[in-house]
Amino acid sequence: MNRRRGEVGAIIDGRERVLCLTLGALAELEDAFAAEDVSALLRRFGAGRLGARDLTRILGAGLRGAGETVTDADVSAMRIDGGAAGAATVAAELLAAAFGESAGAGGDAASNP
C-alpha cells in the first residue's frame, strides 16, 4: 500500500484490502452523485454528511480503483472492521488520500501536493 499514490488499507471480510480513488474511480463517483466535476464532489464530501449508500459507492469505487472486481451490491454485503463507523473512517481516509488531508473537513483539492 502506498499512501502517496492515494492507496488506503482496510480489513474487509477478514482480509487486508487496498482501496484507491483513481481518475476512473472519481469519474464513476461523479456519475453516481450527479456531480458536474471533481470540485462538486469535494464540496459534497466536505459537507461531512454521508449516508450508507454514499459510503457503499465510495468504498466500491475505491476497491475497483485498486483492481477489485466488485459491485456496489457486493460492497454492501461486506463486513468492514468497525462496522458502519469503520466504513466511515475508511471512506474519510480514502477521500483524504485522494483530495488532501483536509478534504473531509471542507478542504480543497489544491491542498494535495
C-alpha atoms as a PDB file:
ATOM      1  CA  MET A   1       0.000   0.000   0.000  1.00  0.00           C
ATOM      2  CA  ASN A   2       1.328   3.412  -0.976  1.00  0.00           C
ATOM      3  CA  ARG A   3      -0.368   6.471   0.569  1.00  0.00           C
ATOM      4  CA  ARG A   4       1.438   8.791  -1.874  1.00  0.00           C
ATOM      5  CA  ARG A   5      -0.450   7.081  -4.704  1.00  0.00           C
ATOM      6  CA  GLY A   6      -3.716   7.553  -2.814  1.00  0.00           C
ATOM      7  CA  GLU A   7      -3.921   3.984  -1.553  1.00  0.00           C
ATOM      8  CA  VAL A   8      -5.623   3.149   1.736  1.00  0.00           C
ATOM      9  CA  GLY A   9      -5.737  -0.192   3.511  1.00  0.00           C
ATOM     10  CA  ALA A  10      -8.733  -1.712   5.273  1.00  0.00           C
ATOM     11  CA  ILE A  11      -9.757  -5.029   6.757  1.00  0.00           C
ATOM     12  CA  ILE A  12     -12.818  -6.087   4.786  1.00  0.00           C
ATOM     13  CA  ASP A  13     -14.377  -9.534   5.116  1.00  0.00           C
ATOM     14  CA  GLY A  14     -11.474 -10.530   7.320  1.00  0.00           C
ATOM     15  CA  ARG A  15      -8.634  -9.693   4.963  1.00  0.00           C
ATOM     16  CA  GLU A  16      -6.468  -6.692   4.214  1.00  0.00           C
ATOM     17  CA  ARG A  17      -7.584  -4.900   1.055  1.00  0.00           C
ATOM     18  CA  VAL A  18      -6.312  -1.844  -0.770  1.00  0.00           C
ATOM     19  CA  LEU A  19      -8.607   0.945  -1.949  1.00  0.00           C
ATOM     20  CA  CYS A  20      -7.670   3.786  -4.310  1.00  0.00           C
ATOM     21  CA  LEU A  21      -9.657   6.588  -5.919  1.00  0.00           C
ATOM     22  CA  THR A  22      -8.107   6.626  -9.383  1.00  0.00           C
ATOM     23  CA  LEU A  23      -9.285   9.105 -12.022  1.00  0.00           C
ATOM     24  CA  GLY A  24     -11.617   6.381 -13.303  1.00  0.00           C
ATOM     25  CA  ALA A  25     -12.995   5.849  -9.799  1.00  0.00           C
ATOM     26  CA  LEU A  26     -13.514   9.599  -9.404  1.00  0.00           C
ATOM     27  CA  ALA A  27     -15.342   9.713 -12.754  1.00  0.00           C
ATOM     28  CA  GLU A  28     -17.519   6.856 -11.507  1.00  0.00           C
ATOM     29  CA  LEU A  29     -18.331   8.858  -8.367  1.00  0.00           C
ATOM     30  CA  GLU A  30     -19.123  11.964 -10.429  1.00  0.00           C
ATOM     31  CA  ASP A  31     -21.709   9.888 -12.302  1.00  0.00           C
ATOM     32  CA  ALA A  32     -23.070   8.219  -9.166  1.00  0.00           C
ATOM     33  CA  PHE A  33     -23.528  11.539  -7.345  1.00  0.00           C
ATOM     34  CA  ALA A  34     -24.559  13.504 -10.466  1.00  0.00           C
ATOM     35  CA  ALA A  35     -21.642  15.854  -9.785  1.00  0.00           C
ATOM     36  CA  GLU A  36     -20.594  18.257 -12.509  1.00  0.00           C
ATOM     37  CA  ASP A  37     -16.907  17.897 -11.708  1.00  0.00           C
ATOM     38  CA  VAL A  38     -14.392  16.891  -9.060  1.00  0.00           C
ATOM     39  CA  SER A  39     -14.865  20.210  -7.245  1.00  0.00           C
ATOM     40  CA  ALA A  40     -18.569  19.421  -6.840  1.00  0.00           C
ATOM     41  CA  LEU A  41     -17.626  16.021  -5.414  1.00  0.00           C
ATOM     42  CA  LEU A  42     -15.237  17.668  -2.998  1.00  0.00           C
ATOM     43  CA  ARG A  43     -17.922  20.098  -1.815  1.00  0.00           C
ATOM     44  CA  ARG A  44     -20.363  17.232  -1.298  1.00  0.00           C
ATOM     45  CA  PHE A  45     -17.876  15.117   0.627  1.00  0.00           C
ATOM     46  CA  GLY A  46     -16.534  18.123   2.536  1.00  0.00           C
ATOM     47  CA  ALA A  47     -20.008  18.735   3.971  1.00  0.00           C
ATOM     48  CA  GLY A  48     -19.419  15.604   6.077  1.00  0.00           C
ATOM     49  CA  ARG A  49     -22.931  14.240   5.573  1.00  0.00           C
ATOM     50  CA  LEU A  50     -22.629  10.812   4.002  1.00  0.00           C
ATOM     51  CA  GLY A  51     -25.261   8.096   4.132  1.00  0.00           C
ATOM     52  CA  ALA A  52     -24.773   4.343   3.968  1.00  0.00           C
ATOM     53  CA  ARG A  53     -25.406   4.341   0.201  1.00  0.00           C
ATOM     54  CA  ASP A  54     -22.766   7.078  -0.175  1.00  0.00           C
ATOM     55  CA  LEU A  55     -20.242   5.040   1.817  1.00  0.00           C
ATOM     56  CA  THR A  56     -21.007   1.962  -0.300  1.00  0.00           C
ATOM     57  CA  ARG A  57     -20.384   3.935  -3.503  1.00  0.00           C
ATOM     58  CA  ILE A  58     -17.142   5.469  -2.229  1.00  0.00           C
ATOM     59  CA  LEU A  59     -15.764   2.175  -0.913  1.00  0.00           C
ATOM     60  CA  GLY A  60     -16.857   0.328  -4.053  1.00  0.00           C
ATOM     61  CA  ALA A  61     -15.165   2.885  -6.300  1.00  0.00           C
ATOM     62  CA  GLY A  62     -12.046   2.662  -4.135  1.00  0.00           C
ATOM     63  CA  LEU A  63     -11.945  -1.124  -4.325  1.00  0.00           C
ATOM     64  CA  ARG A  64     -12.496  -1.089  -8.081  1.00  0.00           C
ATOM     65  CA  GLY A  65      -9.868   1.652  -8.441  1.00  0.00           C
ATOM     66  CA  ALA A  66      -7.405  -0.700  -6.755  1.00  0.00           C
ATOM     67  CA  GLY A  67      -8.295  -3.517  -9.155  1.00  0.00           C
ATOM     68  CA  GLU A  68     -11.010  -5.476  -7.337  1.00  0.00           C
ATOM     69  CA  THR A  69     -13.947  -6.782  -9.341  1.00  0.00           C
ATOM     70  CA  VAL A  70     -16.855  -5.929  -7.047  1.00  0.00           C
ATOM     71  CA  THR A  71     -20.235  -4.300  -7.455  1.00  0.00           C
ATOM     72  CA  ASP A  72     -21.794  -1.863  -5.030  1.00  0.00           C
ATOM     73  CA  ALA A  73     -24.179  -4.688  -4.084  1.00  0.00           C
ATOM     74  CA  ASP A  74     -21.147  -6.826  -3.190  1.00  0.00           C
ATOM     75  CA  VAL A  75     -19.719  -3.986  -1.100  1.00  0.00           C
ATOM     76  CA  SER A  76     -22.995  -3.502   0.773  1.00  0.00           C
ATOM     77  CA  ALA A  77     -22.794  -7.124   1.952  1.00  0.00           C
ATOM     78  CA  MET A  78     -19.136  -6.927   3.041  1.00  0.00           C
ATOM     79  CA  ARG A  79     -18.105  -6.764   6.685  1.00  0.00           C
ATOM     80  CA  ILE A  80     -15.779  -3.895   7.444  1.00  0.00           C
ATOM     81  CA  ASP A  81     -13.791  -3.859  10.666  1.00  0.00           C
ATOM     82  CA  GLY A  82     -15.509  -1.413  12.992  1.00  0.00           C
ATOM     83  CA  GLY A  83     -18.916  -1.727  11.336  1.00  0.00           C
ATOM     84  CA  ALA A  84     -20.551   1.431   9.985  1.00  0.00           C
ATOM     85  CA  ALA A  85     -18.141   3.655  11.913  1.00  0.00           C
ATOM     86  CA  GLY A  86     -15.226   1.706  10.446  1.00  0.00           C
ATOM     87  CA  ALA A  87     -16.666   2.123   6.939  1.00  0.00           C
ATOM     88  CA  ALA A  88     -16.975   5.878   7.503  1.00  0.00           C
ATOM     89  CA  THR A  89     -13.371   6.041   8.718  1.00  0.00           C
ATOM     90  CA  VAL A  90     -12.075   4.138   5.688  1.00  0.00           C
ATOM     91  CA  ALA A  91     -14.088   6.388   3.346  1.00  0.00           C
ATOM     92  CA  ALA A  92     -12.709   9.511   5.076  1.00  0.00           C
ATOM     93  CA  GLU A  93      -9.139   8.190   4.786  1.00  0.00           C
ATOM     94  CA  LEU A  94      -9.713   7.354   1.119  1.00  0.00           C
ATOM     95  CA  LEU A  95     -11.072  10.840   0.380  1.00  0.00           C
ATOM     96  CA  ALA A  96      -8.195  12.446   2.287  1.00  0.00           C
ATOM     97  CA  ALA A  97      -5.687  10.367   0.315  1.00  0.00           C
ATOM     98  CA  ALA A  98      -7.284  11.435  -2.969  1.00  0.00           C
ATOM     99  CA  PHE A  99      -8.017  15.094  -2.206  1.00  0.00           C
ATOM    100  CA  GLY A 100      -5.677  16.035   0.616  1.00  0.00           C
ATOM    101  CA  GLU A 101      -5.879  15.668   4.367  1.00  0.00           C
ATOM    102  CA  SER A 102      -8.451  18.441   4.810  1.00  0.00           C
ATOM    103  CA  ALA A 103     -10.900  17.003   2.237  1.00  0.00           C
ATOM    104  CA  GLY A 104     -13.177  15.518   4.858  1.00  0.00           C
ATOM    105  CA  ALA A 105     -13.393  18.855   6.644  1.00  0.00           C
ATOM    106  CA  GLY A 106     -14.327  21.058   3.707  1.00  0.00           C
ATOM    107  CA  GLY A 107     -10.811  21.395   2.265  1.00  0.00           C
ATOM    108  CA  ASP A 108      -9.931  21.629  -1.374  1.00  0.00           C
ATOM    109  CA  ALA A 109      -8.020  19.613  -3.932  1.00  0.00           C
ATOM    110  CA  ALA A 110      -5.238  22.195  -4.035  1.00  0.00           C
ATOM    111  CA  SER A 111      -4.057  21.088  -0.613  1.00  0.00           C
ATOM    112  CA  ASN A 112      -2.898  17.738  -2.060  1.00  0.00           C
ATOM    113  CA  PRO A 113       0.654  18.165  -3.451  1.00  0.00           C
END
